[in-house]
């Protein structure tokens, strides 16, 4: 005998998910416009239809909200970058495609662009957070798979993944300061540096 689910439970869960999503959407806009330092919880709540006290049912403070905003963007861009890498059939494609997808994402999404431009220092300070660590781990796994497939020469995948993600962050920060952002220039620079290093490291001594 099965027990029917309580429809009220489902509605409450949906309402909670919708409220959390509304807060994150509002926060993304506020952090992009004002920057982390200039934004307040009150600024975020004002962009929603929620009561001010409702915010704390979902986030304990502004910092945890900022992490959630970064996490949402990171999940999307990581999926795009990983898909681009996994379609590569050469070392050049493997390195350049991921960078082009990442820099292109920043340039094509006005809020992502402003979020990076106005919050680069705060984002750097969080670079060792799991938000970014997941991207390093995914790249390391893709590097190992590409090494096994003969696309990438035998190198230290752990070190190279850290170097490639670090370059993406710093070159991306520099790119969003330009008007207009130079996606191809950023891709060419970052990919050229990494390709030169990978090719040199992959040569027999």
N, C-alpha and C. Protein backbone atom coordinates (compact mmCIF):
# COMPACT_ATOMS: atom_id res chain seq x y z
N UNK A 1 0.85 -1.19 0.00
CA UNK A 1 0.00 0.00 0.00
C UNK A 1 0.89 1.24 0.00
N UNK A 2 0.72 2.10 -1.00
CA UNK A 2 1.54 3.31 -1.10
C UNK A 2 0.86 4.45 -0.38
N UNK A 3 1.69 5.35 0.13
CA UNK A 3 1.19 6.52 0.83
C UNK A 3 1.32 7.72 -0.09
N UNK A 4 0.22 8.40 -0.34
CA UNK A 4 0.26 9.54 -1.25
C UNK A 4 1.08 10.67 -0.64
N UNK A 5 1.82 11.34 -1.50
CA UNK A 5 2.62 12.47 -1.03
C UNK A 5 1.72 13.63 -0.64
N UNK A 6 2.12 14.36 0.36
CA UNK A 6 1.37 15.52 0.82
C UNK A 6 1.59 16.66 -0.18
N UNK A 7 0.54 17.10 -0.89
CA UNK A 7 0.72 18.17 -1.87
C UNK A 7 1.22 19.45 -1.23
N UNK A 8 0.88 19.66 0.04
CA UNK A 8 1.36 20.86 0.72
C UNK A 8 2.87 20.88 0.84
N UNK A 9 3.46 19.70 1.07
CA UNK A 9 4.92 19.62 1.17
C UNK A 9 5.58 20.02 -0.13
N UNK A 10 5.03 19.53 -1.24
CA UNK A 10 5.58 19.87 -2.54
C UNK A 10 5.47 21.35 -2.84
N UNK A 11 4.34 21.96 -2.46
CA UNK A 11 4.17 23.40 -2.70
C UNK A 11 5.15 24.22 -1.86
N UNK A 12 5.35 23.79 -0.62
CA UNK A 12 6.29 24.52 0.24
C UNK A 12 7.71 24.43 -0.31
N UNK A 13 8.08 23.25 -0.77
CA UNK A 13 9.43 23.08 -1.34
C UNK A 13 9.61 23.94 -2.58
N UNK A 14 8.57 23.99 -3.42
CA UNK A 14 8.64 24.81 -4.63
C UNK A 14 8.74 26.29 -4.29
N UNK A 15 7.98 26.70 -3.27
CA UNK A 15 8.02 28.11 -2.86
C UNK A 15 9.40 28.47 -2.31
N UNK A 16 10.00 27.57 -1.53
CA UNK A 16 11.33 27.83 -0.98
C UNK A 16 12.36 27.94 -2.09
N UNK A 17 12.26 27.03 -3.07
CA UNK A 17 13.20 27.07 -4.20
C UNK A 17 13.04 28.37 -4.99
N UNK A 18 11.79 28.81 -5.18
CA UNK A 18 11.53 30.04 -5.92
C UNK A 18 12.06 31.25 -5.16
N UNK A 19 11.89 31.27 -3.86
CA UNK A 19 12.39 32.39 -3.05
C UNK A 19 13.91 32.46 -3.11
N UNK A 20 14.54 31.30 -2.99
CA UNK A 20 16.01 31.29 -3.03
C UNK A 20 16.51 31.77 -4.39
N UNK A 21 15.86 31.30 -5.45
CA UNK A 21 16.25 31.72 -6.80
C UNK A 21 16.06 33.22 -6.99
N UNK A 22 14.97 33.77 -6.44
CA UNK A 22 14.70 35.20 -6.56
C UNK A 22 15.79 36.02 -5.85
N UNK A 23 16.22 35.53 -4.69
CA UNK A 23 17.27 36.23 -3.94
C UNK A 23 18.58 36.21 -4.72
N UNK A 24 18.94 35.05 -5.28
CA UNK A 24 20.19 34.94 -6.04
C UNK A 24 20.15 35.82 -7.29
N UNK A 25 19.01 35.83 -7.99
CA UNK A 25 18.88 36.67 -9.19
C UNK A 25 19.05 38.14 -8.84
N UNK A 26 18.40 38.56 -7.76
CA UNK A 26 18.52 39.95 -7.32
C UNK A 26 19.95 40.27 -6.89
N UNK A 27 20.58 39.34 -6.19
CA UNK A 27 21.94 39.57 -5.71
C UNK A 27 22.93 39.68 -6.86
N UNK A 28 22.74 38.86 -7.88
CA UNK A 28 23.64 38.91 -9.04
C UNK A 28 23.62 40.32 -9.65
N UNK A 29 22.41 40.89 -9.77
CA UNK A 29 22.29 42.24 -10.33
C UNK A 29 22.93 43.28 -9.41
N UNK A 30 22.68 43.16 -8.11
CA UNK A 30 23.20 44.14 -7.15
C UNK A 30 24.72 44.08 -7.08
N UNK A 31 25.29 42.89 -7.00
CA UNK A 31 26.75 42.77 -6.94
C UNK A 31 27.39 43.26 -8.24
N UNK A 32 26.73 43.05 -9.37
CA UNK A 32 27.25 43.53 -10.64
C UNK A 32 27.22 45.05 -10.71
N UNK A 33 26.19 45.65 -10.15
CA UNK A 33 26.03 47.10 -10.21
C UNK A 33 26.86 47.83 -9.16
N UNK A 34 26.91 47.30 -7.94
CA UNK A 34 27.50 48.02 -6.82
C UNK A 34 28.82 47.44 -6.34
N UNK A 35 29.10 46.20 -6.71
CA UNK A 35 30.27 45.54 -6.17
C UNK A 35 29.99 44.98 -4.79
N UNK A 36 30.80 44.01 -4.38
CA UNK A 36 30.57 43.35 -3.09
C UNK A 36 30.61 44.35 -1.94
N UNK A 37 31.60 45.22 -1.94
CA UNK A 37 31.76 46.16 -0.83
C UNK A 37 30.63 47.17 -0.75
N UNK A 38 30.08 47.56 -1.88
CA UNK A 38 29.04 48.58 -1.89
C UNK A 38 27.63 48.03 -1.76
N UNK A 39 27.49 46.73 -1.81
CA UNK A 39 26.16 46.10 -1.75
C UNK A 39 25.81 45.73 -0.32
N UNK A 40 24.52 45.70 -0.03
CA UNK A 40 24.05 45.28 1.29
C UNK A 40 22.92 44.27 1.12
N UNK A 41 22.64 43.55 2.17
CA UNK A 41 21.52 42.61 2.16
C UNK A 41 20.23 43.37 1.86
N UNK A 42 20.09 44.54 2.42
CA UNK A 42 18.88 45.34 2.19
C UNK A 42 18.72 45.67 0.70
N UNK A 43 19.84 46.01 0.03
CA UNK A 43 19.78 46.29 -1.41
C UNK A 43 19.22 45.10 -2.18
N UNK A 44 19.65 43.92 -1.78
CA UNK A 44 19.21 42.70 -2.46
C UNK A 44 17.73 42.45 -2.21
N UNK A 45 17.32 42.53 -0.96
CA UNK A 45 15.92 42.24 -0.62
C UNK A 45 14.98 43.21 -1.32
N UNK A 46 15.41 44.45 -1.48
CA UNK A 46 14.56 45.44 -2.15
C UNK A 46 14.27 45.07 -3.60
N UNK A 47 15.13 44.23 -4.19
CA UNK A 47 14.92 43.81 -5.59
C UNK A 47 13.96 42.62 -5.68
N UNK A 48 13.48 42.14 -4.56
CA UNK A 48 12.56 41.00 -4.55
C UNK A 48 11.22 41.43 -3.96
N UNK A 49 10.27 40.51 -3.96
CA UNK A 49 8.97 40.75 -3.33
C UNK A 49 8.92 40.16 -1.92
N UNK A 50 10.07 39.81 -1.36
CA UNK A 50 10.12 39.12 -0.09
C UNK A 50 10.25 40.11 1.07
N UNK A 51 9.79 39.70 2.23
CA UNK A 51 9.99 40.48 3.44
C UNK A 51 11.46 40.42 3.84
N UNK A 52 11.95 41.47 4.47
CA UNK A 52 13.37 41.55 4.78
C UNK A 52 13.86 40.37 5.62
N UNK A 53 13.06 39.92 6.59
CA UNK A 53 13.48 38.82 7.44
C UNK A 53 13.55 37.49 6.73
N UNK A 54 12.87 37.38 5.58
CA UNK A 54 12.86 36.12 4.83
C UNK A 54 14.24 35.76 4.32
N UNK A 55 15.05 36.76 4.03
CA UNK A 55 16.39 36.53 3.50
C UNK A 55 17.16 35.54 4.38
N UNK A 56 17.08 35.72 5.69
CA UNK A 56 17.89 34.92 6.60
C UNK A 56 17.40 33.49 6.77
N UNK A 57 16.27 33.18 6.15
CA UNK A 57 15.85 31.77 6.09
C UNK A 57 16.67 31.00 5.05
N UNK A 58 17.38 31.73 4.19
CA UNK A 58 18.09 31.10 3.08
C UNK A 58 19.61 31.33 3.15
N UNK A 59 20.03 32.47 3.65
CA UNK A 59 21.45 32.80 3.71
C UNK A 59 21.76 33.49 5.04
N UNK A 60 22.84 33.11 5.69
CA UNK A 60 23.16 33.73 6.98
C UNK A 60 23.73 35.13 6.86
N UNK A 61 24.34 35.46 5.71
CA UNK A 61 24.97 36.77 5.57
C UNK A 61 25.26 37.07 4.09
N UNK A 62 25.81 38.23 3.83
CA UNK A 62 26.11 38.68 2.47
C UNK A 62 27.18 37.79 1.82
N UNK A 63 28.17 37.39 2.60
CA UNK A 63 29.26 36.60 2.03
C UNK A 63 28.75 35.26 1.50
N UNK A 64 27.89 34.60 2.26
CA UNK A 64 27.36 33.31 1.79
C UNK A 64 26.50 33.50 0.55
N UNK A 65 25.82 34.61 0.46
CA UNK A 65 25.03 34.91 -0.74
C UNK A 65 25.93 35.13 -1.94
N UNK A 66 27.02 35.86 -1.75
CA UNK A 66 27.97 36.09 -2.85
C UNK A 66 28.54 34.77 -3.35
N UNK A 67 28.86 33.88 -2.43
CA UNK A 67 29.36 32.56 -2.83
C UNK A 67 28.31 31.82 -3.67
N UNK A 68 27.05 31.92 -3.27
CA UNK A 68 25.98 31.25 -4.02
C UNK A 68 25.84 31.82 -5.42
N UNK A 69 25.99 33.13 -5.55
CA UNK A 69 25.94 33.77 -6.87
C UNK A 69 27.10 33.27 -7.74
N UNK A 70 28.31 33.23 -7.18
CA UNK A 70 29.46 32.73 -7.93
C UNK A 70 29.27 31.27 -8.31
N UNK A 71 28.73 30.48 -7.38
CA UNK A 71 28.52 29.06 -7.63
C UNK A 71 27.60 28.84 -8.82
N UNK A 72 26.52 29.63 -8.88
CA UNK A 72 25.56 29.47 -9.98
C UNK A 72 26.22 29.77 -11.32
N UNK A 73 27.00 30.84 -11.39
CA UNK A 73 27.69 31.17 -12.64
C UNK A 73 28.76 30.14 -12.96
N UNK A 74 29.46 29.68 -11.91
CA UNK A 74 30.54 28.72 -12.12
C UNK A 74 30.04 27.40 -12.69
N UNK A 75 28.90 26.94 -12.22
CA UNK A 75 28.34 25.69 -12.73
C UNK A 75 28.06 25.80 -14.22
N UNK A 76 27.48 26.93 -14.63
CA UNK A 76 27.16 27.11 -16.04
C UNK A 76 28.41 27.19 -16.90
N UNK A 77 29.37 28.01 -16.50
CA UNK A 77 30.54 28.19 -17.34
C UNK A 77 31.42 26.93 -17.35
N UNK A 78 31.48 26.21 -16.22
CA UNK A 78 32.26 24.97 -16.20
C UNK A 78 31.69 23.95 -17.18
N UNK A 79 30.37 23.85 -17.26
CA UNK A 79 29.75 22.91 -18.19
C UNK A 79 30.11 23.27 -19.63
N UNK A 80 30.09 24.55 -19.96
CA UNK A 80 30.42 24.98 -21.31
C UNK A 80 31.88 24.70 -21.65
N UNK A 81 32.75 25.05 -20.71
CA UNK A 81 34.20 24.86 -20.94
C UNK A 81 34.54 23.38 -21.06
N UNK A 82 33.95 22.57 -20.20
CA UNK A 82 34.24 21.14 -20.24
C UNK A 82 33.75 20.52 -21.54
N UNK A 83 32.59 20.92 -22.01
CA UNK A 83 32.07 20.40 -23.28
C UNK A 83 33.00 20.77 -24.43
N UNK A 84 33.52 21.99 -24.42
CA UNK A 84 34.43 22.43 -25.48
C UNK A 84 35.72 21.61 -25.45
N UNK A 85 36.26 21.38 -24.25
CA UNK A 85 37.49 20.59 -24.14
C UNK A 85 37.29 19.17 -24.63
N UNK A 86 36.17 18.57 -24.28
CA UNK A 86 35.95 17.16 -24.59
C UNK A 86 35.68 16.90 -26.06
N UNK A 87 35.41 17.96 -26.82
CA UNK A 87 35.25 17.80 -28.26
C UNK A 87 36.55 17.96 -29.01
N UNK A 88 37.61 18.34 -28.30
CA UNK A 88 38.89 18.62 -28.95
C UNK A 88 39.55 17.34 -29.47
N UNK A 89 40.19 17.48 -30.61
CA UNK A 89 40.91 16.35 -31.20
C UNK A 89 42.41 16.63 -31.32
N UNK A 90 42.83 17.79 -30.83
CA UNK A 90 44.25 18.15 -30.87
C UNK A 90 44.60 18.94 -29.62
N UNK A 91 45.88 19.05 -29.33
CA UNK A 91 46.34 19.81 -28.18
C UNK A 91 45.91 21.27 -28.30
N UNK A 92 46.08 21.85 -29.49
CA UNK A 92 45.69 23.25 -29.72
C UNK A 92 44.22 23.46 -29.40
N UNK A 93 43.36 22.58 -29.88
CA UNK A 93 41.93 22.71 -29.64
C UNK A 93 41.61 22.54 -28.16
N UNK A 94 42.25 21.58 -27.52
CA UNK A 94 41.98 21.30 -26.10
C UNK A 94 42.22 22.54 -25.26
N UNK A 95 43.34 23.21 -25.50
CA UNK A 95 43.69 24.37 -24.68
C UNK A 95 42.89 25.60 -25.09
N UNK A 96 42.87 25.90 -26.39
CA UNK A 96 42.24 27.14 -26.85
C UNK A 96 40.72 27.12 -26.69
N UNK A 97 40.08 25.98 -26.94
CA UNK A 97 38.62 25.93 -26.91
C UNK A 97 38.08 26.25 -25.52
N UNK A 98 38.73 25.73 -24.49
CA UNK A 98 38.27 26.01 -23.13
C UNK A 98 38.41 27.48 -22.78
N UNK A 99 39.55 28.07 -23.12
CA UNK A 99 39.74 29.49 -22.84
C UNK A 99 38.75 30.34 -23.62
N UNK A 100 38.56 30.03 -24.89
CA UNK A 100 37.64 30.83 -25.72
C UNK A 100 36.22 30.77 -25.15
N UNK A 101 35.81 29.61 -24.70
CA UNK A 101 34.46 29.47 -24.14
C UNK A 101 34.33 30.28 -22.85
N UNK A 102 35.34 30.24 -22.02
CA UNK A 102 35.30 30.97 -20.75
C UNK A 102 35.29 32.49 -20.97
N UNK A 103 36.24 32.97 -21.78
CA UNK A 103 36.30 34.41 -22.01
C UNK A 103 35.06 34.89 -22.77
N UNK A 104 34.56 34.06 -23.68
CA UNK A 104 33.36 34.41 -24.42
C UNK A 104 32.15 34.51 -23.50
N UNK A 105 32.08 33.64 -22.51
CA UNK A 105 30.98 33.70 -21.54
C UNK A 105 31.00 35.02 -20.79
N UNK A 106 32.17 35.43 -20.33
CA UNK A 106 32.28 36.69 -19.60
C UNK A 106 31.87 37.87 -20.47
N UNK A 107 32.30 37.84 -21.73
CA UNK A 107 32.02 38.97 -22.61
C UNK A 107 30.58 39.03 -23.08
N UNK A 108 29.92 37.88 -23.18
CA UNK A 108 28.57 37.85 -23.75
C UNK A 108 27.47 38.05 -22.71
N UNK A 109 27.78 37.87 -21.45
CA UNK A 109 26.79 38.02 -20.39
C UNK A 109 27.08 39.32 -19.63
N UNK A 110 26.29 40.37 -19.85
CA UNK A 110 26.60 41.66 -19.23
C UNK A 110 26.74 41.59 -17.71
N UNK A 111 25.89 40.81 -17.05
CA UNK A 111 26.00 40.73 -15.59
C UNK A 111 27.25 39.97 -15.16
N UNK A 112 27.57 38.88 -15.87
CA UNK A 112 28.80 38.14 -15.55
C UNK A 112 30.02 39.04 -15.76
N UNK A 113 29.98 39.83 -16.83
CA UNK A 113 31.06 40.77 -17.13
C UNK A 113 31.23 41.77 -15.99
N UNK A 114 30.14 42.41 -15.57
CA UNK A 114 30.22 43.41 -14.51
C UNK A 114 30.53 42.77 -13.16
N UNK A 115 30.03 41.57 -12.94
CA UNK A 115 30.31 40.86 -11.70
C UNK A 115 31.81 40.64 -11.55
N UNK A 116 32.46 40.21 -12.63
CA UNK A 116 33.91 40.00 -12.61
C UNK A 116 34.64 41.34 -12.49
N UNK A 117 34.20 42.33 -13.25
CA UNK A 117 34.91 43.62 -13.27
C UNK A 117 34.87 44.31 -11.91
N UNK A 118 33.72 44.31 -11.27
CA UNK A 118 33.55 45.05 -10.01
C UNK A 118 33.98 44.26 -8.78
N UNK A 119 34.17 42.96 -8.92
CA UNK A 119 34.44 42.12 -7.74
C UNK A 119 35.70 41.28 -7.88
N UNK A 120 36.62 41.71 -8.73
CA UNK A 120 37.80 40.89 -8.99
C UNK A 120 38.61 40.61 -7.74
N UNK A 121 38.76 41.62 -6.86
CA UNK A 121 39.53 41.41 -5.64
C UNK A 121 38.88 40.40 -4.71
N UNK A 122 37.56 40.50 -4.55
CA UNK A 122 36.83 39.56 -3.70
C UNK A 122 36.89 38.15 -4.28
N UNK A 123 36.78 38.05 -5.60
CA UNK A 123 36.83 36.74 -6.24
C UNK A 123 38.22 36.13 -6.08
N UNK A 124 39.26 36.92 -6.24
CA UNK A 124 40.63 36.42 -6.03
C UNK A 124 40.78 35.86 -4.62
N UNK A 125 40.24 36.58 -3.65
CA UNK A 125 40.37 36.17 -2.24
C UNK A 125 39.69 34.83 -1.98
N UNK A 126 38.73 34.46 -2.84
CA UNK A 126 37.99 33.21 -2.68
C UNK A 126 38.50 32.11 -3.62
N UNK A 127 39.67 32.32 -4.21
CA UNK A 127 40.13 31.41 -5.25
C UNK A 127 40.35 29.98 -4.76
N UNK A 128 40.63 29.81 -3.47
CA UNK A 128 40.84 28.47 -2.95
C UNK A 128 39.55 27.84 -2.45
N UNK A 129 38.42 28.49 -2.71
CA UNK A 129 37.12 27.95 -2.29
C UNK A 129 36.72 26.78 -3.18
N UNK A 130 35.85 25.89 -2.70
CA UNK A 130 35.36 24.79 -3.54
C UNK A 130 34.71 25.25 -4.83
N UNK A 131 34.16 26.48 -4.86
CA UNK A 131 33.57 27.03 -6.08
C UNK A 131 34.54 26.90 -7.24
N UNK A 132 35.81 27.27 -7.00
CA UNK A 132 36.82 27.23 -8.04
C UNK A 132 37.55 25.90 -8.07
N UNK A 133 37.65 25.26 -6.90
CA UNK A 133 38.34 23.98 -6.84
C UNK A 133 37.72 22.92 -7.73
N UNK A 134 36.40 22.95 -7.85
CA UNK A 134 35.73 21.97 -8.71
C UNK A 134 36.17 22.12 -10.15
N UNK A 135 36.37 23.36 -10.60
CA UNK A 135 36.83 23.59 -11.97
C UNK A 135 38.24 23.05 -12.18
N UNK A 136 39.11 23.21 -11.18
CA UNK A 136 40.47 22.68 -11.27
C UNK A 136 40.44 21.16 -11.34
N UNK A 137 39.61 20.55 -10.50
CA UNK A 137 39.52 19.09 -10.49
C UNK A 137 38.98 18.55 -11.82
N UNK A 138 37.98 19.22 -12.39
CA UNK A 138 37.44 18.78 -13.68
C UNK A 138 38.48 18.91 -14.78
N UNK A 139 39.24 20.00 -14.77
CA UNK A 139 40.29 20.17 -15.78
C UNK A 139 41.37 19.12 -15.61
N UNK A 140 41.75 18.85 -14.37
CA UNK A 140 42.76 17.81 -14.15
C UNK A 140 42.29 16.47 -14.69
N UNK A 141 41.03 16.12 -14.45
CA UNK A 141 40.50 14.86 -14.97
C UNK A 141 40.50 14.85 -16.49
N UNK A 142 40.14 15.98 -17.11
CA UNK A 142 40.13 16.06 -18.57
C UNK A 142 41.55 15.99 -19.13
N UNK A 143 42.49 16.60 -18.44
CA UNK A 143 43.89 16.50 -18.87
C UNK A 143 44.38 15.06 -18.84
N UNK A 144 44.05 14.35 -17.77
CA UNK A 144 44.48 12.96 -17.66
C UNK A 144 43.86 12.11 -18.78
N UNK A 145 42.58 12.37 -19.09
CA UNK A 145 41.92 11.63 -20.17
C UNK A 145 42.56 11.97 -21.51
N UNK A 146 42.90 13.25 -21.71
CA UNK A 146 43.53 13.67 -22.96
C UNK A 146 44.94 13.11 -23.09
N UNK A 147 45.64 12.98 -21.97
CA UNK A 147 46.98 12.35 -21.99
C UNK A 147 46.84 10.88 -22.39
N UNK A 148 45.88 10.19 -21.80
CA UNK A 148 45.66 8.78 -22.13
C UNK A 148 45.28 8.60 -23.60
N UNK A 149 44.57 9.61 -24.15
CA UNK A 149 44.12 9.52 -25.55
C UNK A 149 45.22 9.97 -26.53
N UNK A 150 46.34 10.45 -26.01
CA UNK A 150 47.42 10.90 -26.88
C UNK A 150 47.25 12.30 -27.41
N UNK A 151 46.26 13.05 -26.92
CA UNK A 151 46.03 14.42 -27.38
C UNK A 151 46.99 15.38 -26.68
N UNK A 152 47.23 15.14 -25.40
CA UNK A 152 48.13 15.96 -24.59
C UNK A 152 49.33 15.10 -24.21
N UNK A 153 50.56 15.65 -24.32
CA UNK A 153 51.73 14.87 -23.92
C UNK A 153 51.74 14.59 -22.42
N UNK A 154 52.57 13.67 -22.00
CA UNK A 154 52.63 13.29 -20.59
C UNK A 154 53.23 14.43 -19.77
N UNK A 155 52.39 15.07 -18.96
CA UNK A 155 52.81 16.17 -18.10
C UNK A 155 52.18 15.95 -16.72
N UNK A 156 52.52 16.80 -15.77
CA UNK A 156 51.91 16.75 -14.45
C UNK A 156 50.54 17.42 -14.54
N UNK A 157 49.50 16.63 -14.60
CA UNK A 157 48.15 17.15 -14.83
C UNK A 157 47.69 18.02 -13.67
N UNK A 158 48.09 17.69 -12.45
CA UNK A 158 47.65 18.47 -11.29
C UNK A 158 48.20 19.89 -11.35
N UNK A 159 49.51 20.02 -11.59
CA UNK A 159 50.13 21.33 -11.69
C UNK A 159 49.57 22.11 -12.87
N UNK A 160 49.44 21.45 -14.01
CA UNK A 160 48.99 22.14 -15.21
C UNK A 160 47.55 22.64 -15.06
N UNK A 161 46.70 21.86 -14.42
CA UNK A 161 45.31 22.29 -14.20
C UNK A 161 45.28 23.56 -13.35
N UNK A 162 46.09 23.58 -12.29
CA UNK A 162 46.14 24.76 -11.44
C UNK A 162 46.63 25.98 -12.21
N UNK A 163 47.66 25.78 -13.05
CA UNK A 163 48.20 26.89 -13.84
C UNK A 163 47.19 27.40 -14.85
N UNK A 164 46.48 26.50 -15.51
CA UNK A 164 45.53 26.90 -16.55
C UNK A 164 44.34 27.66 -15.96
N UNK A 165 43.84 27.22 -14.81
CA UNK A 165 42.71 27.91 -14.19
C UNK A 165 43.17 29.25 -13.63
N UNK A 166 44.35 29.30 -13.05
CA UNK A 166 44.87 30.57 -12.56
C UNK A 166 45.03 31.59 -13.68
N UNK A 167 45.53 31.14 -14.84
CA UNK A 167 45.66 32.05 -15.98
C UNK A 167 44.31 32.53 -16.47
N UNK A 168 43.32 31.63 -16.47
CA UNK A 168 41.97 32.02 -16.90
C UNK A 168 41.43 33.12 -16.01
N UNK A 169 41.60 33.00 -14.70
CA UNK A 169 41.11 34.01 -13.77
C UNK A 169 41.78 35.35 -14.01
N UNK A 170 43.11 35.37 -14.05
CA UNK A 170 43.83 36.63 -14.13
C UNK A 170 43.67 37.29 -15.50
N UNK A 171 43.74 36.53 -16.58
CA UNK A 171 43.55 37.11 -17.91
C UNK A 171 42.10 37.58 -18.07
N UNK A 172 41.17 36.82 -17.49
CA UNK A 172 39.77 37.24 -17.53
C UNK A 172 39.55 38.55 -16.81
N UNK A 173 40.20 38.73 -15.66
CA UNK A 173 40.10 39.99 -14.91
C UNK A 173 40.63 41.14 -15.76
N UNK A 174 41.76 40.91 -16.44
CA UNK A 174 42.33 41.96 -17.29
C UNK A 174 41.42 42.24 -18.49
N UNK A 175 40.84 41.20 -19.07
CA UNK A 175 40.01 41.36 -20.26
C UNK A 175 38.77 42.21 -19.98
N UNK A 176 38.12 42.00 -18.83
CA UNK A 176 36.87 42.72 -18.56
C UNK A 176 37.11 44.19 -18.26
N UNK A 177 38.36 44.60 -18.09
CA UNK A 177 38.66 46.01 -17.89
C UNK A 177 38.75 46.75 -19.22
N UNK A 178 38.77 46.00 -20.33
CA UNK A 178 38.88 46.62 -21.65
C UNK A 178 37.50 46.87 -22.24
N UNK A 179 37.42 47.87 -23.08
CA UNK A 179 36.15 48.21 -23.73
C UNK A 179 36.42 48.43 -25.22
N UNK A 180 35.98 47.49 -26.07
CA UNK A 180 35.25 46.26 -25.75
C UNK A 180 36.20 45.16 -25.28
N UNK A 181 35.69 44.14 -24.63
CA UNK A 181 36.54 43.03 -24.20
C UNK A 181 37.07 42.27 -25.42
N UNK A 182 38.35 41.91 -25.36
CA UNK A 182 39.02 41.26 -26.49
C UNK A 182 39.10 39.75 -26.22
N UNK A 183 38.05 39.03 -26.60
CA UNK A 183 37.99 37.59 -26.34
C UNK A 183 39.10 36.86 -27.08
N UNK A 184 39.28 37.17 -28.35
CA UNK A 184 40.29 36.45 -29.14
C UNK A 184 41.70 36.77 -28.66
N UNK A 185 41.93 38.02 -28.28
CA UNK A 185 43.25 38.38 -27.76
C UNK A 185 43.55 37.67 -26.45
N UNK A 186 42.55 37.61 -25.57
CA UNK A 186 42.73 36.91 -24.29
C UNK A 186 42.95 35.42 -24.52
N UNK A 187 42.19 34.85 -25.44
CA UNK A 187 42.35 33.42 -25.76
C UNK A 187 43.73 33.15 -26.33
N UNK A 188 44.15 33.99 -27.26
CA UNK A 188 45.46 33.79 -27.90
C UNK A 188 46.58 33.85 -26.88
N UNK A 189 46.52 34.82 -25.98
CA UNK A 189 47.57 34.98 -24.97
C UNK A 189 47.60 33.81 -24.00
N UNK A 190 46.45 33.49 -23.40
CA UNK A 190 46.40 32.42 -22.41
C UNK A 190 46.73 31.07 -23.03
N UNK A 191 46.14 30.80 -24.19
CA UNK A 191 46.40 29.51 -24.85
C UNK A 191 47.85 29.42 -25.29
N UNK A 192 48.41 30.52 -25.81
CA UNK A 192 49.81 30.50 -26.26
C UNK A 192 50.77 30.19 -25.12
N UNK A 193 50.52 30.80 -23.96
CA UNK A 193 51.38 30.53 -22.81
C UNK A 193 51.31 29.07 -22.40
N UNK A 194 50.10 28.55 -22.30
CA UNK A 194 49.94 27.16 -21.85
C UNK A 194 50.44 26.16 -22.88
N UNK A 195 50.16 26.42 -24.15
CA UNK A 195 50.62 25.49 -25.19
C UNK A 195 52.14 25.43 -25.22
N UNK A 196 52.79 26.59 -25.12
CA UNK A 196 54.25 26.60 -25.10
C UNK A 196 54.80 25.79 -23.94
N UNK A 197 54.18 25.96 -22.78
CA UNK A 197 54.64 25.21 -21.62
C UNK A 197 54.39 23.73 -21.74
N UNK A 198 53.21 23.35 -22.21
CA UNK A 198 52.87 21.93 -22.35
C UNK A 198 53.80 21.26 -23.36
N UNK A 199 54.02 21.91 -24.49
CA UNK A 199 54.87 21.32 -25.53
C UNK A 199 56.30 21.16 -25.03
N UNK A 200 56.80 22.15 -24.30
CA UNK A 200 58.16 22.05 -23.78
C UNK A 200 58.26 20.96 -22.73
N UNK A 201 57.29 20.92 -21.81
CA UNK A 201 57.32 19.90 -20.76
C UNK A 201 57.14 18.49 -21.32
N UNK A 202 56.47 18.39 -22.45
CA UNK A 202 56.20 17.08 -23.02
C UNK A 202 57.34 16.51 -23.84
N UNK A 203 58.37 17.33 -24.08
CA UNK A 203 59.52 16.84 -24.85
C UNK A 203 60.38 15.95 -23.99
N UNK A 204 60.94 14.89 -24.58
CA UNK A 204 61.88 14.04 -23.81
C UNK A 204 63.11 14.84 -23.45
N UNK A 205 63.67 14.59 -22.27
CA UNK A 205 64.89 15.30 -21.85
C UNK A 205 66.05 14.91 -22.75
